[in-house]
Amino acid sequence: QSCDDVFYQANDAAFDRSVKTKYNLPEQFLFYVGTIEERKNLLTIVKALKKVKDIPLFVVGKKTSYFEKVKAYLKSNKLEQRVHFLDHVSNEELPVIYRAASVFIFPSIFEGFGIPIIEALTSKTPVITTKGACFPEAGGPDTLYIDPLNENELADKINFLLNNESQRTLIAEKGFEYAQKFHPKNITSQLIELYKH
């Protein structure tokens, strides 16, 4: 599986600036993409925010009833100002937000594969995701892995990346290299070879 073609298009500086302005993106922020439902586990990220320096979290995803649970936690812990839910983000805008993010976080409990991980790596954004199952296949050897229900472990990994710019850059570069195996050209050639044999 691979990303949408829009992730492989050349950057347009003017368009990037317009997207950052439209969504009021700061210099540093955490990012999450995925349906806001129990299985995707946004609540663990929100809980980890309490143990992370004052950096905002931007969220793109369809809301379900689970959103109310997240919202209630934000309110009771006075975190509403730190979490921004972006609505109606277009396919063209999404890669811009990925590229601008400091860290992409995807602590899902269960996935068939995990396309958002590939999208983040292709955007040269370091990823923190879940240990085991399909996640290491999508994330590769340089992604950081956590127990998805352990907000302390997640907070430690976020703080590590935010406090170590050189490591963050290195992880992003290595992740980008790894993600090339999922580039549509490479997947096509692998499929052709498979059918030849």
N, C-alpha and C. Protein backbone atom coordinates (compact mmCIF):
# COMPACT_ATOMS: atom_id res chain seq x y z
N GLN A 1 0.84 -1.20 0.00
CA GLN A 1 0.00 0.00 0.00
C GLN A 1 0.87 1.24 0.00
N SER A 2 0.32 2.33 -0.50
CA SER A 2 1.09 3.56 -0.59
C SER A 2 0.22 4.77 -0.24
N CYS A 3 0.84 5.95 -0.30
CA CYS A 3 0.11 7.20 -0.05
C CYS A 3 -0.63 7.63 -1.32
N ASP A 4 -1.47 8.60 -1.14
CA ASP A 4 -2.08 9.28 -2.27
C ASP A 4 -0.98 9.96 -3.10
N ASP A 5 -1.19 10.09 -4.40
CA ASP A 5 -0.20 10.73 -5.28
C ASP A 5 0.19 12.13 -4.84
N VAL A 6 -0.72 12.81 -4.15
CA VAL A 6 -0.46 14.19 -3.74
C VAL A 6 0.77 14.29 -2.82
N PHE A 7 1.12 13.19 -2.13
CA PHE A 7 2.29 13.19 -1.25
C PHE A 7 3.61 13.14 -2.02
N TYR A 8 3.53 12.85 -3.31
CA TYR A 8 4.75 12.74 -4.12
C TYR A 8 4.93 13.92 -5.07
N GLN A 9 4.07 14.92 -4.95
CA GLN A 9 4.17 16.09 -5.81
C GLN A 9 5.14 17.10 -5.22
N ALA A 10 5.74 17.91 -6.11
CA ALA A 10 6.71 18.92 -5.66
C ALA A 10 6.03 19.96 -4.78
N ASN A 11 6.77 20.45 -3.79
CA ASN A 11 6.24 21.48 -2.90
C ASN A 11 6.02 22.78 -3.66
N ASP A 12 4.98 23.48 -3.28
CA ASP A 12 4.71 24.81 -3.82
C ASP A 12 4.76 25.77 -2.63
N ALA A 13 5.82 26.58 -2.56
CA ALA A 13 6.07 27.42 -1.38
C ALA A 13 4.89 28.35 -1.07
N ALA A 14 4.32 28.95 -2.11
CA ALA A 14 3.20 29.88 -1.91
C ALA A 14 1.98 29.14 -1.35
N PHE A 15 1.70 27.94 -1.90
CA PHE A 15 0.57 27.15 -1.41
C PHE A 15 0.81 26.73 0.04
N ASP A 16 2.04 26.29 0.32
CA ASP A 16 2.39 25.90 1.70
C ASP A 16 2.12 27.03 2.68
N ARG A 17 2.54 28.24 2.31
CA ARG A 17 2.34 29.41 3.19
C ARG A 17 0.85 29.66 3.40
N SER A 18 0.07 29.53 2.33
CA SER A 18 -1.37 29.81 2.44
C SER A 18 -2.07 28.80 3.36
N VAL A 19 -1.62 27.52 3.30
CA VAL A 19 -2.21 26.48 4.17
C VAL A 19 -1.83 26.74 5.63
N LYS A 20 -0.57 27.08 5.86
CA LYS A 20 -0.12 27.36 7.23
C LYS A 20 -0.87 28.55 7.83
N THR A 21 -1.12 29.56 6.99
CA THR A 21 -1.88 30.74 7.44
C THR A 21 -3.34 30.38 7.71
N LYS A 22 -3.94 29.63 6.78
CA LYS A 22 -5.34 29.25 6.89
C LYS A 22 -5.63 28.52 8.21
N TYR A 23 -4.73 27.58 8.58
CA TYR A 23 -4.95 26.78 9.78
C TYR A 23 -4.17 27.30 11.00
N ASN A 24 -3.52 28.46 10.81
CA ASN A 24 -2.80 29.10 11.91
C ASN A 24 -1.80 28.14 12.56
N LEU A 25 -0.99 27.50 11.72
CA LEU A 25 -0.02 26.51 12.21
C LEU A 25 1.18 27.21 12.83
N PRO A 26 1.55 26.83 14.06
CA PRO A 26 2.72 27.45 14.70
C PRO A 26 4.03 26.82 14.21
N GLU A 27 5.12 27.33 14.72
CA GLU A 27 6.45 26.83 14.32
C GLU A 27 6.62 25.36 14.70
N GLN A 28 6.14 24.99 15.88
CA GLN A 28 6.23 23.60 16.35
C GLN A 28 4.85 23.11 16.77
N PHE A 29 4.50 21.90 16.34
CA PHE A 29 3.26 21.29 16.81
C PHE A 29 3.30 19.78 16.60
N LEU A 30 2.47 19.09 17.36
CA LEU A 30 2.30 17.65 17.23
C LEU A 30 1.11 17.42 16.30
N PHE A 31 1.10 16.26 15.63
CA PHE A 31 0.05 16.03 14.64
C PHE A 31 -0.49 14.61 14.74
N TYR A 32 -1.80 14.50 14.53
CA TYR A 32 -2.47 13.20 14.50
C TYR A 32 -3.48 13.21 13.36
N VAL A 33 -3.52 12.13 12.59
CA VAL A 33 -4.53 11.97 11.53
C VAL A 33 -5.21 10.62 11.73
N GLY A 34 -6.52 10.60 11.72
CA GLY A 34 -7.26 9.35 11.85
C GLY A 34 -8.64 9.60 12.42
N THR A 35 -9.54 8.69 12.17
CA THR A 35 -10.89 8.81 12.73
C THR A 35 -10.79 8.95 14.26
N ILE A 36 -11.60 9.81 14.81
CA ILE A 36 -11.57 10.01 16.26
C ILE A 36 -12.52 8.98 16.88
N GLU A 37 -11.96 7.78 17.09
CA GLU A 37 -12.72 6.65 17.64
C GLU A 37 -11.84 5.90 18.64
N GLU A 38 -12.47 5.09 19.46
CA GLU A 38 -11.78 4.38 20.55
C GLU A 38 -10.53 3.65 20.08
N ARG A 39 -10.65 2.88 19.02
CA ARG A 39 -9.55 2.05 18.51
C ARG A 39 -8.32 2.86 18.12
N LYS A 40 -8.55 4.11 17.69
CA LYS A 40 -7.42 4.95 17.23
C LYS A 40 -6.71 5.63 18.40
N ASN A 41 -7.42 5.72 19.56
CA ASN A 41 -6.73 6.02 20.81
C ASN A 41 -6.16 7.44 20.94
N LEU A 42 -6.89 8.42 20.44
CA LEU A 42 -6.44 9.82 20.57
C LEU A 42 -6.28 10.23 22.03
N LEU A 43 -7.07 9.64 22.91
CA LEU A 43 -7.06 10.03 24.33
C LEU A 43 -5.67 9.85 24.96
N THR A 44 -4.92 8.83 24.55
CA THR A 44 -3.57 8.64 25.10
C THR A 44 -2.67 9.83 24.74
N ILE A 45 -2.81 10.36 23.52
CA ILE A 45 -2.00 11.53 23.14
C ILE A 45 -2.39 12.72 24.01
N VAL A 46 -3.67 12.92 24.19
CA VAL A 46 -4.17 14.05 24.99
C VAL A 46 -3.67 13.95 26.43
N LYS A 47 -3.69 12.73 26.99
CA LYS A 47 -3.18 12.53 28.36
C LYS A 47 -1.68 12.83 28.44
N ALA A 48 -0.94 12.45 27.40
CA ALA A 48 0.51 12.68 27.38
C ALA A 48 0.84 14.17 27.34
N LEU A 49 -0.05 14.97 26.78
CA LEU A 49 0.20 16.42 26.66
C LEU A 49 0.48 17.06 28.01
N LYS A 50 -0.11 16.53 29.09
CA LYS A 50 0.09 17.09 30.43
C LYS A 50 1.55 17.00 30.87
N LYS A 51 2.29 16.06 30.28
CA LYS A 51 3.69 15.83 30.67
C LYS A 51 4.67 16.31 29.60
N VAL A 52 4.17 17.11 28.67
CA VAL A 52 4.99 17.61 27.57
C VAL A 52 4.97 19.13 27.62
N LYS A 53 6.09 19.76 27.20
CA LYS A 53 6.13 21.23 27.22
C LYS A 53 4.96 21.81 26.42
N ASP A 54 4.75 23.08 26.56
CA ASP A 54 3.56 23.73 26.00
C ASP A 54 3.58 23.77 24.47
N ILE A 55 3.32 22.64 23.86
CA ILE A 55 3.27 22.53 22.40
C ILE A 55 1.87 22.07 22.02
N PRO A 56 1.28 22.67 20.99
CA PRO A 56 -0.09 22.28 20.63
C PRO A 56 -0.16 20.97 19.84
N LEU A 57 -1.32 20.38 19.83
CA LEU A 57 -1.62 19.19 19.05
C LEU A 57 -2.69 19.56 18.03
N PHE A 58 -2.43 19.23 16.75
CA PHE A 58 -3.43 19.44 15.71
C PHE A 58 -3.96 18.08 15.27
N VAL A 59 -5.28 18.00 15.11
CA VAL A 59 -5.96 16.73 14.84
C VAL A 59 -6.79 16.85 13.56
N VAL A 60 -6.61 15.89 12.65
CA VAL A 60 -7.45 15.81 11.46
C VAL A 60 -8.12 14.44 11.47
N GLY A 61 -9.45 14.41 11.49
CA GLY A 61 -10.14 13.13 11.47
C GLY A 61 -11.63 13.27 11.71
N LYS A 62 -12.37 12.31 11.19
CA LYS A 62 -13.82 12.30 11.36
C LYS A 62 -14.17 12.03 12.82
N LYS A 63 -15.10 12.80 13.34
CA LYS A 63 -15.50 12.66 14.74
C LYS A 63 -16.58 11.58 14.88
N THR A 64 -16.45 10.76 15.93
CA THR A 64 -17.48 9.80 16.32
C THR A 64 -17.90 10.15 17.75
N SER A 65 -18.71 9.31 18.37
CA SER A 65 -19.14 9.58 19.75
C SER A 65 -17.94 9.63 20.71
N TYR A 66 -16.85 8.96 20.37
CA TYR A 66 -15.63 8.95 21.18
C TYR A 66 -15.07 10.38 21.34
N PHE A 67 -15.34 11.23 20.37
CA PHE A 67 -14.88 12.62 20.42
C PHE A 67 -15.36 13.31 21.69
N GLU A 68 -16.57 12.98 22.13
CA GLU A 68 -17.12 13.59 23.35
C GLU A 68 -16.30 13.22 24.58
N LYS A 69 -15.80 11.99 24.59
CA LYS A 69 -14.94 11.51 25.69
C LYS A 69 -13.63 12.32 25.72
N VAL A 70 -13.05 12.52 24.54
CA VAL A 70 -11.81 13.29 24.42
C VAL A 70 -12.06 14.73 24.86
N LYS A 71 -13.15 15.30 24.38
CA LYS A 71 -13.52 16.69 24.69
C LYS A 71 -13.71 16.87 26.20
N ALA A 72 -14.37 15.91 26.82
CA ALA A 72 -14.61 15.98 28.27
C ALA A 72 -13.29 15.96 29.04
N TYR A 73 -12.35 15.12 28.59
CA TYR A 73 -11.04 15.04 29.25
C TYR A 73 -10.30 16.38 29.09
N LEU A 74 -10.33 16.93 27.89
CA LEU A 74 -9.67 18.22 27.63
C LEU A 74 -10.21 19.30 28.57
N LYS A 75 -11.53 19.31 28.70
CA LYS A 75 -12.17 20.33 29.53
C LYS A 75 -11.80 20.16 31.00
N SER A 76 -11.89 18.93 31.50
CA SER A 76 -11.62 18.70 32.93
C SER A 76 -10.15 18.89 33.28
N ASN A 77 -9.27 18.83 32.28
CA ASN A 77 -7.83 19.01 32.54
C ASN A 77 -7.29 20.33 32.00
N LYS A 78 -8.22 21.20 31.61
CA LYS A 78 -7.86 22.54 31.11
C LYS A 78 -6.84 22.48 29.96
N LEU A 79 -7.10 21.60 29.02
CA LEU A 79 -6.21 21.42 27.86
C LEU A 79 -6.85 21.86 26.55
N GLU A 80 -8.03 22.46 26.63
CA GLU A 80 -8.77 22.81 25.40
C GLU A 80 -7.97 23.72 24.46
N GLN A 81 -7.19 24.62 25.04
CA GLN A 81 -6.44 25.58 24.21
C GLN A 81 -5.26 24.93 23.48
N ARG A 82 -4.90 23.72 23.90
CA ARG A 82 -3.72 23.08 23.30
C ARG A 82 -4.05 22.09 22.19
N VAL A 83 -5.32 21.76 22.02
CA VAL A 83 -5.71 20.79 21.00
C VAL A 83 -6.64 21.44 19.98
N HIS A 84 -6.25 21.37 18.71
CA HIS A 84 -6.98 22.03 17.63
C HIS A 84 -7.50 20.98 16.64
N PHE A 85 -8.81 20.94 16.48
CA PHE A 85 -9.44 20.00 15.56
C PHE A 85 -9.69 20.72 14.23
N LEU A 86 -9.04 20.25 13.18
CA LEU A 86 -9.17 20.89 11.87
C LEU A 86 -10.23 20.16 11.04
N ASP A 87 -11.18 20.92 10.53
CA ASP A 87 -12.25 20.32 9.72
C ASP A 87 -12.06 20.64 8.24
N HIS A 88 -12.56 19.73 7.41
CA HIS A 88 -12.60 19.94 5.95
C HIS A 88 -11.22 20.19 5.35
N VAL A 89 -10.20 19.51 5.86
CA VAL A 89 -8.85 19.62 5.27
C VAL A 89 -8.85 18.84 3.95
N SER A 90 -8.42 19.48 2.89
CA SER A 90 -8.42 18.82 1.58
C SER A 90 -7.22 17.88 1.43
N ASN A 91 -7.29 17.00 0.46
CA ASN A 91 -6.17 16.09 0.15
C ASN A 91 -4.90 16.86 -0.17
N GLU A 92 -5.06 17.99 -0.85
CA GLU A 92 -3.90 18.80 -1.26
C GLU A 92 -3.27 19.50 -0.06
N GLU A 93 -4.09 19.85 0.92
CA GLU A 93 -3.57 20.56 2.10
C GLU A 93 -2.89 19.64 3.09
N LEU A 94 -3.32 18.39 3.14
CA LEU A 94 -2.84 17.45 4.16
C LEU A 94 -1.31 17.28 4.16
N PRO A 95 -0.66 17.07 3.00
CA PRO A 95 0.80 16.92 3.03
C PRO A 95 1.53 18.14 3.58
N VAL A 96 0.97 19.32 3.36
CA VAL A 96 1.59 20.55 3.88
C VAL A 96 1.62 20.51 5.41
N ILE A 97 0.52 20.07 6.02
CA ILE A 97 0.44 20.01 7.49
C ILE A 97 1.38 18.94 8.02
N TYR A 98 1.41 17.78 7.36
CA TYR A 98 2.37 16.73 7.75
C TYR A 98 3.80 17.28 7.74
N ARG A 99 4.18 17.96 6.66
CA ARG A 99 5.56 18.45 6.52
C ARG A 99 5.90 19.49 7.58
N ALA A 100 4.89 20.28 7.97
CA ALA A 100 5.12 21.35 8.95
C ALA A 100 5.19 20.84 10.38
N ALA A 101 4.63 19.65 10.63
CA ALA A 101 4.57 19.11 12.00
C ALA A 101 5.95 18.72 12.53
N SER A 102 6.12 18.87 13.84
CA SER A 102 7.38 18.46 14.49
C SER A 102 7.43 16.95 14.68
N VAL A 103 6.29 16.38 15.09
CA VAL A 103 6.19 14.94 15.37
C VAL A 103 4.79 14.47 14.98
N PHE A 104 4.71 13.31 14.33
CA PHE A 104 3.42 12.69 14.04
C PHE A 104 3.21 11.54 15.02
N ILE A 105 2.02 11.49 15.64
CA ILE A 105 1.75 10.48 16.67
C ILE A 105 0.55 9.64 16.26
N PHE A 106 0.73 8.31 16.32
CA PHE A 106 -0.31 7.40 15.85
C PHE A 106 -0.37 6.18 16.78
N PRO A 107 -0.97 6.35 17.98
CA PRO A 107 -0.96 5.27 18.98
C PRO A 107 -2.16 4.33 18.86
N SER A 108 -2.46 3.91 17.64
CA SER A 108 -3.64 3.08 17.39
C SER A 108 -3.52 1.72 18.07
N ILE A 109 -4.66 1.19 18.52
CA ILE A 109 -4.68 -0.13 19.15
C ILE A 109 -4.62 -1.23 18.09
N PHE A 110 -5.27 -0.99 16.97
CA PHE A 110 -5.31 -2.00 15.92
C PHE A 110 -5.45 -1.35 14.55
N GLU A 111 -4.67 -1.83 13.58
CA GLU A 111 -4.76 -1.36 12.20
C GLU A 111 -4.53 -2.55 11.27
N GLY A 112 -5.05 -2.42 10.04
CA GLY A 112 -4.71 -3.39 9.01
C GLY A 112 -3.31 -3.13 8.49
N PHE A 113 -2.95 -1.84 8.43
CA PHE A 113 -1.60 -1.48 7.97
C PHE A 113 -1.13 -0.18 8.60
N GLY A 114 -1.78 0.94 8.33
CA GLY A 114 -1.35 2.21 8.93
C GLY A 114 -0.81 3.20 7.92
N ILE A 115 -1.64 3.55 6.93
CA ILE A 115 -1.25 4.49 5.87
C ILE A 115 -0.77 5.84 6.42
N PRO A 116 -1.40 6.40 7.48
CA PRO A 116 -0.90 7.69 7.98
C PRO A 116 0.58 7.66 8.39
N ILE A 117 1.06 6.51 8.83
CA ILE A 117 2.49 6.39 9.17
C ILE A 117 3.34 6.62 7.93
N ILE A 118 2.94 5.98 6.82
CA ILE A 118 3.67 6.14 5.55
C ILE A 118 3.58 7.59 5.07
N GLU A 119 2.41 8.19 5.24
CA GLU A 119 2.23 9.59 4.83
C GLU A 119 3.19 10.49 5.60
N ALA A 120 3.32 10.27 6.91
CA ALA A 120 4.22 11.09 7.73
C ALA A 120 5.68 10.88 7.33
N LEU A 121 6.09 9.62 7.17
CA LEU A 121 7.47 9.33 6.80
C LEU A 121 7.81 9.93 5.44
N THR A 122 6.87 9.84 4.50
CA THR A 122 7.07 10.41 3.16
C THR A 122 7.20 11.93 3.23
N SER A 123 6.61 12.52 4.27
CA SER A 123 6.65 13.98 4.47
C SER A 123 7.87 14.40 5.30
N LYS A 124 8.74 13.45 5.62
CA LYS A 124 9.95 13.70 6.44
C LYS A 124 9.59 14.21 7.84
N THR A 125 8.57 13.59 8.40
CA THR A 125 8.16 13.91 9.77
C THR A 125 8.37 12.68 10.63
N PRO A 126 9.10 12.80 11.76
CA PRO A 126 9.33 11.62 12.62
C PRO A 126 8.03 11.12 13.23
N VAL A 127 7.97 9.82 13.43
CA VAL A 127 6.73 9.16 13.86
C VAL A 127 6.91 8.44 15.19
N ILE A 128 5.88 8.55 16.04
CA ILE A 128 5.76 7.70 17.23
C ILE A 128 4.49 6.89 17.04
N THR A 129 4.61 5.56 17.12
CA THR A 129 3.43 4.72 16.93
C THR A 129 3.51 3.50 17.84
N THR A 130 2.62 2.55 17.61
CA THR A 130 2.42 1.40 18.50
C THR A 130 3.43 0.28 18.26
N LYS A 131 3.86 -0.34 19.36
CA LYS A 131 4.76 -1.51 19.27
C LYS A 131 4.00 -2.70 18.68
N GLY A 132 4.70 -3.52 17.90
CA GLY A 132 4.15 -4.81 17.45
C GLY A 132 3.13 -4.70 16.34
N ALA A 133 2.52 -5.86 16.03
CA ALA A 133 1.50 -6.01 14.97
C ALA A 133 2.03 -5.47 13.64
N CYS A 134 1.19 -4.72 12.92
CA CYS A 134 1.57 -4.25 11.58
C CYS A 134 2.43 -2.97 11.62
N PHE A 135 2.53 -2.34 12.78
CA PHE A 135 3.11 -1.00 12.85
C PHE A 135 4.59 -0.93 12.44
N PRO A 136 5.44 -1.88 12.89
CA PRO A 136 6.84 -1.81 12.46
C PRO A 136 7.03 -1.98 10.95
N GLU A 137 6.11 -2.71 10.30
CA GLU A 137 6.22 -2.85 8.84
C GLU A 137 6.02 -1.50 8.16
N ALA A 138 5.06 -0.73 8.66
CA ALA A 138 4.80 0.60 8.10
C ALA A 138 5.85 1.62 8.55
N GLY A 139 6.28 1.52 9.81
CA GLY A 139 7.16 2.54 10.39
C GLY A 139 8.64 2.33 10.16
N GLY A 140 9.06 1.07 9.99
CA GLY A 140 10.48 0.81 9.78
C GLY A 140 11.30 0.88 11.05
N PRO A 141 12.63 0.69 10.93
CA PRO A 141 13.50 0.56 12.11
C PRO A 141 13.77 1.85 12.87
N ASP A 142 13.50 3.00 12.27
CA ASP A 142 13.88 4.26 12.94
C ASP A 142 12.71 5.02 13.56
N THR A 143 11.50 4.52 13.35
CA THR A 143 10.33 5.08 14.02
C THR A 143 10.41 4.74 15.51
N LEU A 144 9.81 5.56 16.36
CA LEU A 144 9.78 5.28 17.80
C LEU A 144 8.47 4.56 18.15
N TYR A 145 8.58 3.51 18.97
CA TYR A 145 7.42 2.67 19.28
C TYR A 145 7.11 2.70 20.77
N ILE A 146 5.79 2.65 21.06
CA ILE A 146 5.34 2.72 22.45
C ILE A 146 4.22 1.70 22.71
N ASP A 147 3.97 1.45 23.99
CA ASP A 147 2.74 0.79 24.42
C ASP A 147 1.65 1.85 24.23
N PRO A 148 0.64 1.58 23.38
CA PRO A 148 -0.33 2.63 23.04
C PRO A 148 -1.19 3.14 24.20
N LEU A 149 -1.20 2.42 25.31
CA LEU A 149 -2.01 2.85 26.46
C LEU A 149 -1.16 3.48 27.57
N ASN A 150 0.12 3.68 27.28
CA ASN A 150 1.02 4.23 28.29
C ASN A 150 1.36 5.68 27.96
N GLU A 151 0.60 6.61 28.54
CA GLU A 151 0.82 8.02 28.21
C GLU A 151 2.17 8.54 28.71
N ASN A 152 2.72 7.92 29.78
CA ASN A 152 4.04 8.33 30.28
C ASN A 152 5.14 8.00 29.28
N GLU A 153 5.06 6.80 28.71
CA GLU A 153 6.04 6.39 27.71
C GLU A 153 5.93 7.29 26.47
N LEU A 154 4.70 7.60 26.08
CA LEU A 154 4.49 8.48 24.93
C LEU A 154 5.07 9.87 25.21
N ALA A 155 4.79 10.40 26.39
CA ALA A 155 5.31 11.73 26.76
C ALA A 155 6.84 11.74 26.72
N ASP A 156 7.47 10.68 27.21
CA ASP A 156 8.93 10.58 27.19
C ASP A 156 9.47 10.64 25.76
N LYS A 157 8.82 9.91 24.85
CA LYS A 157 9.26 9.87 23.44
C LYS A 157 9.06 11.24 22.78
N ILE A 158 7.93 11.88 23.07
CA ILE A 158 7.68 13.21 22.50
C ILE A 158 8.75 14.18 23.00
N ASN A 159 9.00 14.18 24.31
CA ASN A 159 10.00 15.08 24.88
C ASN A 159 11.39 14.81 24.31
N PHE A 160 11.71 13.54 24.13
CA PHE A 160 13.01 13.18 23.54
C PHE A 160 13.16 13.83 22.16
N LEU A 161 12.15 13.69 21.31
CA LEU A 161 12.23 14.24 19.95
C LEU A 161 12.25 15.76 19.96
N LEU A 162 11.43 16.37 20.81
CA LEU A 162 11.38 17.84 20.84
C LEU A 162 12.67 18.45 21.38
N ASN A 163 13.34 17.72 22.26
CA ASN A 163 14.56 18.25 22.89
C ASN A 163 15.84 17.87 22.16
N ASN A 164 15.72 17.08 21.09
CA ASN A 164 16.91 16.62 20.35
C ASN A 164 16.70 16.85 18.86
N GLU A 165 16.97 18.07 18.44
CA GLU A 165 16.71 18.43 17.03
C GLU A 165 17.52 17.57 16.06
N SER A 166 18.78 17.29 16.40
CA SER A 166 19.61 16.49 15.49
C SER A 166 19.06 15.08 15.34
N GLN A 167 18.59 14.50 16.46
CA GLN A 167 17.99 13.17 16.40
C GLN A 167 16.69 13.19 15.62
N ARG A 168 15.92 14.24 15.83
CA ARG A 168 14.64 14.37 15.12
C ARG A 168 14.87 14.43 13.61
N THR A 169 15.88 15.19 13.21
CA THR A 169 16.22 15.32 11.78
C THR A 169 16.70 13.99 11.22
N LEU A 170 17.57 13.32 11.98
CA LEU A 170 18.11 12.03 11.54
C LEU A 170 16.99 10.99 11.38
N ILE A 171 16.11 10.92 12.36
CA ILE A 171 14.99 9.97 12.32
C ILE A 171 14.08 10.28 11.13
N ALA A 172 13.85 11.57 10.88
CA ALA A 172 13.00 11.98 9.75
C ALA A 172 13.64 11.56 8.43
N GLU A 173 14.95 11.77 8.29
CA GLU A 173 15.65 11.40 7.04
C GLU A 173 15.63 9.90 6.82
N LYS A 174 15.91 9.15 7.89
CA LYS A 174 15.93 7.68 7.76
C LYS A 174 14.53 7.13 7.49
N GLY A 175 13.53 7.75 8.13
CA GLY A 175 12.14 7.35 7.89
C GLY A 175 11.73 7.60 6.45
N PHE A 176 12.17 8.73 5.90
CA PHE A 176 11.87 9.06 4.50
C PHE A 176 12.49 8.02 3.57
N GLU A 177 13.73 7.65 3.85
CA GLU A 177 14.41 6.62 3.03
C GLU A 177 13.64 5.30 3.09
N TYR A 178 13.24 4.91 4.29
CA TYR A 178 12.50 3.66 4.46
C TYR A 178 11.18 3.70 3.69
N ALA A 179 10.50 4.85 3.73
CA ALA A 179 9.18 4.97 3.09
C ALA A 179 9.23 4.84 1.58
N GLN A 180 10.44 4.97 1.00
CA GLN A 180 10.54 4.85 -0.46
C GLN A 180 10.16 3.45 -0.95
N LYS A 181 10.26 2.46 -0.06
CA LYS A 181 9.86 1.11 -0.47
C LYS A 181 8.36 1.03 -0.75
N PHE A 182 7.60 2.03 -0.24
CA PHE A 182 6.15 2.07 -0.48
C PHE A 182 5.77 3.05 -1.59
N HIS A 183 6.79 3.64 -2.25
CA HIS A 183 6.52 4.55 -3.37
C HIS A 183 5.78 3.77 -4.46
N PRO A 184 4.75 4.36 -5.07
CA PRO A 184 3.97 3.64 -6.09
C PRO A 184 4.83 2.99 -7.18
N LYS A 185 5.91 3.65 -7.59
CA LYS A 185 6.79 3.08 -8.63
C LYS A 185 7.39 1.76 -8.15
N ASN A 186 7.85 1.75 -6.90
CA ASN A 186 8.48 0.55 -6.35
C ASN A 186 7.47 -0.57 -6.13
N ILE A 187 6.28 -0.21 -5.67
CA ILE A 187 5.25 -1.22 -5.46
C ILE A 187 4.84 -1.83 -6.80
N THR A 188 4.72 -0.99 -7.84
CA THR A 188 4.35 -1.48 -9.18
C THR A 188 5.38 -2.47 -9.70
N SER A 189 6.67 -2.11 -9.56
CA SER A 189 7.72 -3.01 -10.07
C SER A 189 7.76 -4.33 -9.28
N GLN A 190 7.49 -4.25 -7.97
CA GLN A 190 7.45 -5.48 -7.16
C GLN A 190 6.30 -6.38 -7.59
N LEU A 191 5.14 -5.77 -7.89
CA LEU A 191 3.98 -6.55 -8.35
C LEU A 191 4.27 -7.22 -9.69
N ILE A 192 4.93 -6.48 -10.59
CA ILE A 192 5.28 -7.04 -11.90
C ILE A 192 6.19 -8.25 -11.72
N GLU A 193 7.20 -8.09 -10.84
CA GLU A 193 8.12 -9.23 -10.58
C GLU A 193 7.39 -10.42 -9.99
N LEU A 194 6.43 -10.14 -9.10
CA LEU A 194 5.66 -11.21 -8.47
C LEU A 194 4.90 -12.01 -9.53
N TYR A 195 4.27 -11.29 -10.47
CA TYR A 195 3.49 -11.99 -11.52
C TYR A 195 4.41 -12.73 -12.49
N LYS A 196 5.62 -12.25 -12.67
CA LYS A 196 6.58 -12.93 -13.58
C LYS A 196 6.93 -14.31 -13.03
N HIS A 197 7.00 -14.41 -11.68
CA HIS A 197 7.39 -15.67 -11.05
C HIS A 197 6.17 -16.53 -10.79
